N, C-alpha and C. Protein backbone atom coordinates (compact mmCIF):
# COMPACT_ATOMS: atom_id res chain seq x y z
N LEU A 1 143.44 111.00 96.65
CA LEU A 1 144.53 111.44 97.68
C LEU A 1 145.58 112.01 96.88
N LEU A 2 146.02 111.42 95.73
CA LEU A 2 147.22 111.89 95.01
C LEU A 2 146.79 113.28 94.29
N ALA A 3 145.40 113.36 93.83
CA ALA A 3 145.11 114.71 93.39
C ALA A 3 145.09 115.77 94.41
N ALA A 4 144.65 115.40 95.56
CA ALA A 4 144.50 116.40 96.50
C ALA A 4 145.92 116.89 96.97
N SER A 5 146.87 116.07 97.06
CA SER A 5 148.16 116.42 97.39
C SER A 5 148.97 117.11 96.19
N ALA A 6 148.50 116.84 94.88
CA ALA A 6 149.14 117.46 93.76
C ALA A 6 148.79 118.75 93.59
N ASP A 7 147.58 119.19 93.80
CA ASP A 7 147.04 120.50 93.61
C ASP A 7 146.21 121.09 94.65
N PRO A 8 146.93 121.58 95.68
CA PRO A 8 146.21 122.02 97.01
C PRO A 8 145.11 123.16 96.67
N MET A 9 145.17 123.89 95.51
CA MET A 9 144.17 124.89 95.33
C MET A 9 142.84 124.25 94.91
N ARG A 10 142.97 123.01 94.36
CA ARG A 10 141.75 122.37 93.77
C ARG A 10 141.57 121.03 94.70
N ALA A 11 142.21 120.97 95.81
CA ALA A 11 142.10 119.65 96.59
C ALA A 11 140.62 119.49 97.07
N GLY A 12 139.86 120.55 97.26
CA GLY A 12 138.36 120.42 97.69
C GLY A 12 137.65 119.39 96.65
N GLU A 13 137.91 119.47 95.38
CA GLU A 13 137.28 118.60 94.46
C GLU A 13 137.65 117.14 94.66
N ALA A 14 138.78 116.89 95.06
CA ALA A 14 139.29 115.53 95.38
C ALA A 14 138.64 115.07 96.65
N TRP A 15 138.64 115.95 97.78
CA TRP A 15 138.15 115.64 99.04
C TRP A 15 136.62 115.32 98.81
N ARG A 16 135.89 116.03 97.99
CA ARG A 16 134.46 115.92 97.87
C ARG A 16 134.26 114.41 97.24
N ALA A 17 135.10 114.15 96.22
CA ALA A 17 135.07 112.81 95.51
C ALA A 17 135.18 111.71 96.52
N LEU A 18 136.20 111.85 97.36
CA LEU A 18 136.51 110.81 98.33
C LEU A 18 135.36 110.79 99.32
N SER A 19 134.68 111.90 99.65
CA SER A 19 133.54 111.73 100.61
C SER A 19 132.41 110.89 99.89
N TRP A 20 132.15 111.18 98.63
CA TRP A 20 131.11 110.68 97.97
C TRP A 20 131.52 109.02 97.82
N VAL A 21 132.66 108.63 97.49
CA VAL A 21 133.02 107.28 97.62
C VAL A 21 132.81 106.61 98.95
N ALA A 22 133.27 107.23 100.05
CA ALA A 22 133.18 106.78 101.32
C ALA A 22 131.68 106.69 101.70
N ASP A 23 130.93 107.56 101.28
CA ASP A 23 129.46 107.50 101.66
C ASP A 23 128.88 106.38 101.09
N ARG A 24 129.25 106.17 99.73
CA ARG A 24 128.62 105.00 98.91
C ARG A 24 129.11 103.64 99.37
N THR A 25 130.16 103.48 99.96
CA THR A 25 130.70 102.36 100.41
C THR A 25 130.55 102.03 101.78
N GLY A 26 129.75 102.72 102.63
CA GLY A 26 129.47 102.50 103.99
C GLY A 26 130.58 102.93 105.01
N TYR A 27 131.19 104.03 104.78
CA TYR A 27 132.12 104.66 105.71
C TYR A 27 131.61 106.00 106.08
N PRO A 28 130.65 106.22 106.86
CA PRO A 28 129.93 107.48 107.15
C PRO A 28 131.02 108.55 107.87
N GLU A 29 131.84 107.94 108.66
CA GLU A 29 132.62 108.97 109.42
C GLU A 29 133.80 109.44 108.47
N GLU A 30 134.28 108.76 107.59
CA GLU A 30 135.27 109.29 106.51
C GLU A 30 134.56 110.09 105.56
N ALA A 31 133.22 109.75 105.37
CA ALA A 31 132.42 110.73 104.38
C ALA A 31 132.36 112.11 105.08
N LEU A 32 131.99 112.12 106.26
CA LEU A 32 131.99 113.44 106.91
C LEU A 32 133.36 114.16 107.06
N ARG A 33 134.43 113.45 107.32
CA ARG A 33 135.63 114.06 107.49
C ARG A 33 136.14 114.52 106.05
N PHE A 34 135.96 113.76 105.05
CA PHE A 34 136.54 114.34 103.69
C PHE A 34 135.67 115.36 103.27
N ILE A 35 134.21 115.49 103.51
CA ILE A 35 133.51 116.48 103.05
C ILE A 35 133.83 117.81 103.82
N GLU A 36 134.11 117.63 105.14
CA GLU A 36 134.64 118.80 105.76
C GLU A 36 135.81 119.47 105.40
N LEU A 37 136.82 118.64 104.98
CA LEU A 37 137.93 119.01 104.33
C LEU A 37 137.79 119.66 102.96
N ALA A 38 136.81 119.20 102.27
CA ALA A 38 136.44 119.80 100.99
C ALA A 38 135.74 121.26 101.22
N TYR A 39 135.02 121.36 102.23
CA TYR A 39 134.42 122.62 102.56
C TYR A 39 135.39 123.58 103.10
N GLU A 40 136.32 123.18 103.90
CA GLU A 40 137.38 124.04 104.39
C GLU A 40 138.29 124.62 103.22
N ASN A 41 138.30 123.75 102.24
CA ASN A 41 139.07 124.21 100.98
C ASN A 41 138.23 125.11 100.13
N ASP A 42 137.02 124.92 99.90
CA ASP A 42 136.22 125.94 99.24
C ASP A 42 134.75 125.89 99.69
N PRO A 43 134.36 126.82 100.63
CA PRO A 43 133.08 126.84 101.24
C PRO A 43 132.01 127.44 100.28
N THR A 44 132.39 127.80 99.01
CA THR A 44 131.45 128.25 98.10
C THR A 44 131.02 127.41 96.98
N ASP A 45 131.75 126.15 97.00
CA ASP A 45 131.44 125.27 95.81
C ASP A 45 130.08 124.62 96.05
N VAL A 46 129.28 124.64 94.92
CA VAL A 46 127.90 124.30 94.96
C VAL A 46 127.77 122.76 95.28
N TRP A 47 128.57 121.87 94.62
CA TRP A 47 128.50 120.38 94.92
C TRP A 47 129.06 120.09 96.17
N THR A 48 129.90 120.73 96.74
CA THR A 48 130.42 120.44 98.12
C THR A 48 129.35 120.86 99.16
N LEU A 49 128.78 121.89 98.93
CA LEU A 49 127.61 122.33 99.89
C LEU A 49 126.50 121.32 99.73
N TYR A 50 126.17 120.88 98.64
CA TYR A 50 125.05 120.01 98.41
C TYR A 50 125.50 118.68 99.17
N HIS A 51 126.64 118.10 98.78
CA HIS A 51 126.93 116.77 99.29
C HIS A 51 127.18 116.93 100.84
N ARG A 52 127.69 117.94 101.35
CA ARG A 52 127.89 118.20 102.76
C ARG A 52 126.43 118.18 103.39
N GLY A 53 125.36 118.77 102.83
CA GLY A 53 124.09 118.67 103.30
C GLY A 53 123.57 117.29 103.25
N ARG A 54 123.89 116.52 102.25
CA ARG A 54 123.39 115.11 102.36
C ARG A 54 124.08 114.43 103.45
N VAL A 55 125.39 114.51 103.67
CA VAL A 55 126.02 113.81 104.66
C VAL A 55 125.55 114.22 106.11
N LEU A 56 125.32 115.52 106.26
CA LEU A 56 124.83 116.00 107.47
C LEU A 56 123.48 115.47 107.74
N ALA A 57 122.61 115.54 106.68
CA ALA A 57 121.25 114.91 106.88
C ALA A 57 121.27 113.34 107.37
N GLU A 58 122.11 112.65 106.74
CA GLU A 58 122.24 111.36 107.08
C GLU A 58 122.68 111.05 108.51
N ARG A 59 123.33 112.06 109.11
CA ARG A 59 123.73 112.05 110.58
C ARG A 59 122.65 112.67 111.45
N ASP A 60 121.49 113.00 110.89
CA ASP A 60 120.47 113.64 111.49
C ASP A 60 120.81 115.11 112.06
N ASP A 61 121.84 115.72 111.47
CA ASP A 61 122.05 117.10 111.82
C ASP A 61 121.31 118.00 110.70
N LEU A 62 120.02 118.13 111.14
CA LEU A 62 119.06 118.65 110.22
C LEU A 62 119.36 120.04 109.99
N GLN A 63 119.84 120.88 111.25
CA GLN A 63 120.06 122.22 111.04
C GLN A 63 121.35 122.53 110.05
N GLY A 64 122.37 121.80 110.33
CA GLY A 64 123.63 121.87 109.52
C GLY A 64 123.28 121.58 108.14
N ALA A 65 122.57 120.50 107.90
CA ALA A 65 122.18 120.18 106.45
C ALA A 65 121.37 121.19 105.83
N GLN A 66 120.52 121.79 106.55
CA GLN A 66 119.65 122.90 106.00
C GLN A 66 120.53 124.10 105.65
N GLU A 67 121.43 124.52 106.42
CA GLU A 67 122.33 125.58 106.21
C GLU A 67 123.09 125.32 105.01
N SER A 68 123.71 124.14 104.85
CA SER A 68 124.60 123.83 103.76
C SER A 68 123.72 123.78 102.50
N LEU A 69 122.72 123.17 102.51
CA LEU A 69 121.72 123.14 101.29
C LEU A 69 121.29 124.55 100.81
N GLN A 70 120.96 125.40 101.85
CA GLN A 70 120.52 126.76 101.49
C GLN A 70 121.73 127.52 100.90
N ALA A 71 122.96 127.28 101.39
CA ALA A 71 124.15 127.93 100.76
C ALA A 71 124.37 127.45 99.36
N ALA A 72 124.07 126.26 99.05
CA ALA A 72 124.21 125.69 97.78
C ALA A 72 123.12 126.26 96.75
N LEU A 73 121.94 126.51 97.31
CA LEU A 73 120.89 127.17 96.59
C LEU A 73 121.24 128.57 96.30
N ASP A 74 121.88 129.22 97.23
CA ASP A 74 122.28 130.58 97.14
C ASP A 74 123.25 130.76 95.84
N GLN A 75 124.08 129.71 95.57
CA GLN A 75 125.05 129.67 94.53
C GLN A 75 124.21 129.26 93.22
N GLU A 76 123.29 128.32 93.25
CA GLU A 76 122.72 127.77 92.13
C GLU A 76 121.16 127.55 92.44
N LEU A 77 120.23 128.44 92.04
CA LEU A 77 118.89 128.44 92.36
C LEU A 77 118.17 127.23 91.75
N MET A 78 118.64 126.64 90.58
CA MET A 78 117.96 125.64 89.86
C MET A 78 118.58 124.12 90.34
N LEU A 79 119.01 123.94 91.38
CA LEU A 79 119.55 122.72 91.85
C LEU A 79 118.46 121.89 92.45
N SER A 80 117.80 121.09 91.63
CA SER A 80 116.64 120.38 92.09
C SER A 80 116.98 119.39 93.17
N ASP A 81 118.06 118.79 93.15
CA ASP A 81 118.49 117.79 94.15
C ASP A 81 118.53 118.48 95.59
N ALA A 82 119.03 119.64 95.66
CA ALA A 82 119.07 120.36 96.95
C ALA A 82 117.69 120.75 97.36
N LEU A 83 116.76 121.22 96.43
CA LEU A 83 115.45 121.54 96.76
C LEU A 83 114.65 120.27 97.29
N ALA A 84 114.91 119.13 96.59
CA ALA A 84 114.11 118.02 96.95
C ALA A 84 114.60 117.55 98.50
N LEU A 85 115.93 117.57 98.67
CA LEU A 85 116.57 117.18 100.14
C LEU A 85 116.05 118.19 101.08
N LEU A 86 115.89 119.48 100.84
CA LEU A 86 115.31 120.51 101.71
C LEU A 86 113.82 120.13 101.94
N GLY A 87 113.14 119.61 100.92
CA GLY A 87 111.79 119.22 101.17
C GLY A 87 111.69 118.00 102.03
N ASP A 88 112.51 117.01 101.81
CA ASP A 88 112.69 115.78 102.71
C ASP A 88 112.92 116.16 104.11
N LEU A 89 113.82 116.99 104.28
CA LEU A 89 114.22 117.56 105.71
C LEU A 89 113.02 118.08 106.32
N ALA A 90 112.18 119.04 105.56
CA ALA A 90 110.92 119.76 106.25
C ALA A 90 109.97 118.67 106.31
N PHE A 91 109.84 117.60 105.50
CA PHE A 91 108.89 116.59 105.71
C PHE A 91 109.14 115.76 107.05
N ARG A 92 110.42 115.51 107.25
CA ARG A 92 110.93 114.73 108.48
C ARG A 92 110.44 115.52 109.77
N GLN A 93 110.58 116.95 109.52
CA GLN A 93 110.33 117.69 110.67
C GLN A 93 108.62 118.05 110.87
N GLU A 94 107.89 117.39 110.02
CA GLU A 94 106.50 117.59 109.75
C GLU A 94 106.10 119.07 109.46
N ASN A 95 106.87 119.72 108.75
CA ASN A 95 106.70 121.08 108.18
C ASN A 95 106.10 120.84 106.86
N HIS A 96 105.00 120.39 106.69
CA HIS A 96 104.57 119.82 105.30
C HIS A 96 104.26 120.99 104.33
N GLU A 97 103.93 122.11 104.83
CA GLU A 97 103.76 123.34 103.94
C GLU A 97 105.09 123.66 103.33
N ALA A 98 106.09 123.82 104.01
CA ALA A 98 107.42 124.20 103.59
C ALA A 98 107.96 123.10 102.61
N ALA A 99 107.69 121.79 103.00
CA ALA A 99 108.14 120.56 102.16
C ALA A 99 107.39 120.79 100.92
N GLU A 100 106.23 121.07 100.83
CA GLU A 100 105.39 121.25 99.45
C GLU A 100 106.18 122.31 98.60
N ARG A 101 106.47 123.36 99.19
CA ARG A 101 107.09 124.55 98.48
C ARG A 101 108.52 123.95 97.79
N TYR A 102 109.22 123.28 98.48
CA TYR A 102 110.54 122.89 98.04
C TYR A 102 110.22 121.64 97.04
N LEU A 103 109.47 120.82 97.29
CA LEU A 103 109.15 119.74 96.36
C LEU A 103 108.52 120.09 95.09
N GLU A 104 107.62 121.00 95.08
CA GLU A 104 106.94 121.51 93.99
C GLU A 104 108.00 122.16 92.97
N ARG A 105 108.99 122.93 93.60
CA ARG A 105 109.94 123.50 92.70
C ARG A 105 110.84 122.47 92.20
N ALA A 106 111.20 121.49 93.03
CA ALA A 106 112.08 120.40 92.52
C ALA A 106 111.52 119.67 91.33
N VAL A 107 110.15 119.41 91.45
CA VAL A 107 109.57 118.54 90.27
C VAL A 107 109.38 119.56 89.08
N MET A 108 109.20 120.84 89.40
CA MET A 108 109.06 121.69 88.18
C MET A 108 110.55 121.81 87.49
N LEU A 109 111.53 121.70 88.16
CA LEU A 109 112.85 121.86 87.43
C LEU A 109 113.33 120.35 86.94
N ASP A 110 112.84 119.36 87.47
CA ASP A 110 113.17 117.99 87.01
C ASP A 110 112.12 117.03 87.23
N GLY A 111 111.14 116.95 86.35
CA GLY A 111 110.07 116.05 86.53
C GLY A 111 110.25 114.56 86.14
N GLU A 112 111.50 114.18 85.93
CA GLU A 112 111.85 112.91 85.49
C GLU A 112 112.35 111.98 86.68
N VAL A 113 112.37 112.60 87.93
CA VAL A 113 112.96 111.84 89.05
C VAL A 113 111.76 111.36 89.86
N ALA A 114 111.54 110.03 89.92
CA ALA A 114 110.50 109.29 90.54
C ALA A 114 110.52 109.64 92.08
N ALA A 115 111.67 109.64 92.60
CA ALA A 115 111.82 109.90 94.11
C ALA A 115 111.08 111.24 94.52
N PHE A 116 111.27 112.21 93.62
CA PHE A 116 110.84 113.57 93.87
C PHE A 116 109.17 113.48 93.91
N HIS A 117 108.71 112.85 92.89
CA HIS A 117 107.24 112.77 92.97
C HIS A 117 106.73 111.81 94.03
N GLU A 118 107.52 110.77 94.39
CA GLU A 118 107.10 109.87 95.57
C GLU A 118 106.90 110.71 96.86
N LEU A 119 107.95 111.46 97.26
CA LEU A 119 108.13 112.20 98.30
C LEU A 119 106.96 113.17 98.39
N ARG A 120 106.79 114.01 97.13
CA ARG A 120 105.82 114.96 97.15
C ARG A 120 104.35 114.36 97.35
N GLY A 121 104.08 113.16 96.63
CA GLY A 121 102.82 112.61 96.98
C GLY A 121 102.66 112.18 98.43
N MET A 122 103.69 111.72 99.07
CA MET A 122 103.56 111.38 100.50
C MET A 122 103.18 112.71 101.29
N ASN A 123 103.88 113.75 100.94
CA ASN A 123 103.73 114.92 101.64
C ASN A 123 102.36 115.50 101.36
N LEU A 124 101.79 115.58 100.13
CA LEU A 124 100.49 115.96 99.87
C LEU A 124 99.48 115.20 100.63
N LEU A 125 99.64 113.79 100.74
CA LEU A 125 98.78 113.15 101.61
C LEU A 125 98.64 113.56 103.05
N ARG A 126 99.87 113.99 103.60
CA ARG A 126 99.84 114.49 104.94
C ARG A 126 99.14 115.84 105.04
N LEU A 127 99.19 116.57 103.90
CA LEU A 127 98.42 117.92 103.79
C LEU A 127 96.96 117.62 103.60
N GLY A 128 96.40 116.44 103.35
CA GLY A 128 95.03 116.23 103.11
C GLY A 128 94.58 116.31 101.62
N ARG A 129 95.64 116.69 100.94
CA ARG A 129 95.36 116.90 99.34
C ARG A 129 95.29 115.66 98.58
N VAL A 130 94.29 114.68 98.82
CA VAL A 130 94.37 113.31 98.44
C VAL A 130 94.48 113.07 96.92
N LEU A 131 93.73 113.88 96.18
CA LEU A 131 93.77 113.77 94.66
C LEU A 131 95.04 114.20 94.15
N ASP A 132 95.58 115.24 94.65
CA ASP A 132 96.92 115.72 94.25
C ASP A 132 98.06 114.65 94.48
N ALA A 133 97.87 114.18 95.79
CA ALA A 133 98.81 113.06 96.35
C ALA A 133 98.85 112.02 95.27
N ARG A 134 97.58 111.50 94.79
CA ARG A 134 97.35 110.41 93.98
C ARG A 134 98.04 110.73 92.63
N ASP A 135 97.98 111.92 92.14
CA ASP A 135 98.53 112.30 90.82
C ASP A 135 100.09 112.16 90.95
N SER A 136 100.66 112.75 92.03
CA SER A 136 102.14 112.72 92.31
C SER A 136 102.54 111.22 92.30
N LEU A 137 101.83 110.40 93.09
CA LEU A 137 102.31 108.94 93.30
C LEU A 137 102.17 108.24 91.92
N GLU A 138 101.18 108.43 91.20
CA GLU A 138 101.03 107.77 89.93
C GLU A 138 102.18 108.15 88.95
N LEU A 139 102.52 109.55 89.16
CA LEU A 139 103.64 109.96 88.23
C LEU A 139 105.02 109.21 88.64
N ALA A 140 105.15 109.08 90.00
CA ALA A 140 106.34 108.23 90.45
C ALA A 140 106.43 106.92 89.87
N LEU A 141 105.22 106.25 90.02
CA LEU A 141 105.16 104.96 89.51
C LEU A 141 105.25 104.70 87.90
N GLU A 142 104.84 105.82 87.30
CA GLU A 142 105.03 105.76 85.82
C GLU A 142 106.61 105.78 85.54
N LEU A 143 107.35 106.56 86.37
CA LEU A 143 108.64 106.69 86.12
C LEU A 143 109.56 105.41 86.63
N ASP A 144 109.01 104.82 87.74
CA ASP A 144 109.83 103.68 88.28
C ASP A 144 108.94 102.88 89.05
N ARG A 145 108.34 101.77 88.46
CA ARG A 145 107.40 100.83 89.07
C ARG A 145 107.86 100.20 90.43
N SER A 146 109.17 100.21 90.66
CA SER A 146 109.65 99.56 91.96
C SER A 146 109.50 100.36 93.22
N ARG A 147 108.94 101.53 93.06
CA ARG A 147 108.93 102.57 94.28
C ARG A 147 107.81 102.06 95.29
N THR A 148 108.21 101.36 96.21
CA THR A 148 107.42 100.72 97.14
C THR A 148 106.72 101.76 98.08
N ALA A 149 107.27 102.79 98.48
CA ALA A 149 106.64 103.88 99.33
C ALA A 149 105.58 104.46 98.48
N ALA A 150 105.74 104.74 97.00
CA ALA A 150 104.82 105.11 96.32
C ALA A 150 103.56 104.34 96.24
N ARG A 151 103.83 103.04 96.12
CA ARG A 151 102.63 102.01 95.96
C ARG A 151 101.84 102.09 97.25
N SER A 152 102.60 101.99 98.30
CA SER A 152 101.99 101.98 99.74
C SER A 152 101.02 103.37 99.96
N SER A 153 101.64 104.40 99.69
CA SER A 153 100.96 105.56 99.73
C SER A 153 99.83 105.82 98.87
N LEU A 154 99.90 105.22 97.59
CA LEU A 154 98.90 105.22 96.74
C LEU A 154 97.72 104.48 97.18
N ALA A 155 97.93 103.37 97.90
CA ALA A 155 96.84 102.67 98.51
C ALA A 155 96.15 103.60 99.66
N TRP A 156 96.89 104.24 100.24
CA TRP A 156 96.25 105.27 101.32
C TRP A 156 95.29 106.32 100.60
N THR A 157 95.65 106.68 99.57
CA THR A 157 94.87 107.74 98.83
C THR A 157 93.48 107.21 98.54
N PHE A 158 93.44 105.94 98.11
CA PHE A 158 92.04 105.24 97.91
C PHE A 158 91.36 105.03 99.27
N TYR A 159 92.09 104.73 100.28
CA TYR A 159 91.55 104.54 101.67
C TYR A 159 90.99 105.83 102.20
N ALA A 160 91.68 106.89 102.06
CA ALA A 160 91.38 108.16 102.45
C ALA A 160 90.10 108.70 101.67
N SER A 161 89.97 108.17 100.51
CA SER A 161 88.70 108.55 99.77
C SER A 161 87.47 107.71 99.87
N GLY A 162 87.63 106.80 100.90
CA GLY A 162 86.56 105.96 101.28
C GLY A 162 86.51 104.53 100.34
N ASN A 163 87.42 104.21 99.60
CA ASN A 163 87.55 103.08 98.74
C ASN A 163 88.42 101.98 99.43
N SER A 164 87.87 101.35 100.41
CA SER A 164 88.82 100.31 101.13
C SER A 164 89.20 99.27 100.26
N GLU A 165 88.15 98.77 99.33
CA GLU A 165 88.56 97.61 98.52
C GLU A 165 89.74 97.93 97.53
N GLU A 166 89.64 99.05 96.95
CA GLU A 166 90.82 99.40 96.13
C GLU A 166 92.08 99.52 96.86
N ALA A 167 91.99 100.09 98.07
CA ALA A 167 93.17 100.17 98.92
C ALA A 167 93.77 98.73 99.14
N ILE A 168 92.82 97.79 99.53
CA ILE A 168 93.49 96.48 99.87
C ILE A 168 94.02 95.75 98.50
N THR A 169 93.42 96.19 97.42
CA THR A 169 93.92 95.56 96.25
C THR A 169 95.24 96.12 95.96
N ARG A 170 95.42 97.35 96.24
CA ARG A 170 96.67 98.02 95.90
C ARG A 170 97.80 97.45 96.93
N LEU A 171 97.40 97.28 98.14
CA LEU A 171 98.32 96.62 99.16
C LEU A 171 98.81 95.11 98.79
N ARG A 172 97.72 94.52 98.20
CA ARG A 172 98.04 93.10 97.78
C ARG A 172 99.01 93.05 96.67
N GLU A 173 98.93 94.04 95.64
CA GLU A 173 99.74 94.26 94.70
C GLU A 173 101.19 94.58 95.14
N LEU A 174 101.34 95.43 96.18
CA LEU A 174 102.60 95.68 96.82
C LEU A 174 103.28 94.40 97.37
N ASP A 175 102.36 93.79 98.26
CA ASP A 175 102.90 92.43 98.75
C ASP A 175 103.32 91.51 97.81
N ASP A 176 102.60 91.35 96.59
CA ASP A 176 102.90 90.49 95.59
C ASP A 176 104.38 91.01 94.98
N GLN A 177 104.54 92.22 94.66
CA GLN A 177 105.67 92.83 94.17
C GLN A 177 106.85 92.41 95.15
N LEU A 178 106.59 92.32 96.47
CA LEU A 178 107.75 92.03 97.37
C LEU A 178 107.94 90.57 97.83
N ARG A 179 107.22 89.75 97.02
CA ARG A 179 107.09 88.36 97.38
C ARG A 179 108.49 87.55 97.43
N ASP A 180 109.55 88.18 96.78
CA ASP A 180 110.91 87.63 96.70
C ASP A 180 111.64 88.00 98.04
N ARG A 181 111.12 88.76 98.90
CA ARG A 181 111.82 89.16 100.09
C ARG A 181 111.33 88.22 101.12
N PRO A 182 111.93 88.13 102.27
CA PRO A 182 111.73 87.35 103.33
C PRO A 182 110.41 87.82 103.92
N GLU A 183 109.59 86.90 104.55
CA GLU A 183 108.48 87.10 105.28
C GLU A 183 108.40 88.32 106.30
N GLU A 184 109.73 88.41 107.01
CA GLU A 184 109.97 89.33 108.01
C GLU A 184 110.44 90.79 107.49
N ASP A 185 110.44 90.88 106.08
CA ASP A 185 110.80 92.20 105.60
C ASP A 185 109.89 93.17 105.96
N PRO A 186 110.37 94.34 106.56
CA PRO A 186 109.50 95.55 107.15
C PRO A 186 108.42 95.90 106.13
N GLU A 187 108.71 96.05 104.95
CA GLU A 187 107.71 96.48 104.08
C GLU A 187 106.68 95.53 103.72
N ARG A 188 107.00 94.27 103.76
CA ARG A 188 106.09 93.11 103.71
C ARG A 188 105.12 93.03 104.87
N VAL A 189 105.82 93.15 106.07
CA VAL A 189 105.07 93.14 107.16
C VAL A 189 104.02 94.22 107.32
N TYR A 190 104.54 95.30 106.85
CA TYR A 190 103.65 96.49 106.72
C TYR A 190 102.53 96.36 105.95
N ALA A 191 102.70 95.94 104.69
CA ALA A 191 101.65 95.78 103.73
C ALA A 191 100.59 94.68 104.18
N GLN A 192 101.22 93.56 104.72
CA GLN A 192 100.24 92.45 105.15
C GLN A 192 99.38 92.95 106.47
N GLY A 193 100.11 93.74 107.37
CA GLY A 193 99.41 94.29 108.39
C GLY A 193 98.34 95.24 108.07
N GLN A 194 98.50 96.10 107.10
CA GLN A 194 97.50 97.10 106.70
C GLN A 194 96.35 96.24 105.95
N ILE A 195 96.65 95.38 105.17
CA ILE A 195 95.55 94.46 104.48
C ILE A 195 94.68 93.96 105.61
N SER A 196 95.24 93.41 106.61
CA SER A 196 94.45 92.67 107.76
C SER A 196 93.80 93.84 108.50
N ARG A 197 94.29 94.90 108.78
CA ARG A 197 93.66 95.93 109.58
C ARG A 197 92.44 96.46 108.73
């Protein structure tokens, strides 16, 4: 706040930082208010546009999020986080072809982010590209063994290939990984329910 008042010409950087802090500490209304102040201060700043897209996406303002992320990419074509988030938005809207285009570019630019590979694998599974999905999900798990969505989706690639036993084994491994969580944990309930099914 002191930085914003001390240098009005660069106040957007302070507002953006305040928005990030509010977002991380569970104050979504403040996160939105601060990022809009940052955007008013400088509507061309790449990181403001990206963070604004994130905040709007969390509020399910998908159109606003897409517009802000596209504007960020207009400023910086190599922004892998913006590409991945656009892929996520397309995935949520079941536009899997568009999601694949964004996610493919994101992993080409930054192949060390497990979340990018995880989401891409889940999307490829929706496209029926089972072996490609398996490759992406295995890459996600090589980078981060704790990715539960990647483990669950990987089990589905085996099921989709006709190998139910391997799918059950993978789901049991997931359930075992989650054993420290309560029995009613949604991911444990899902894994156990799929094993039974």
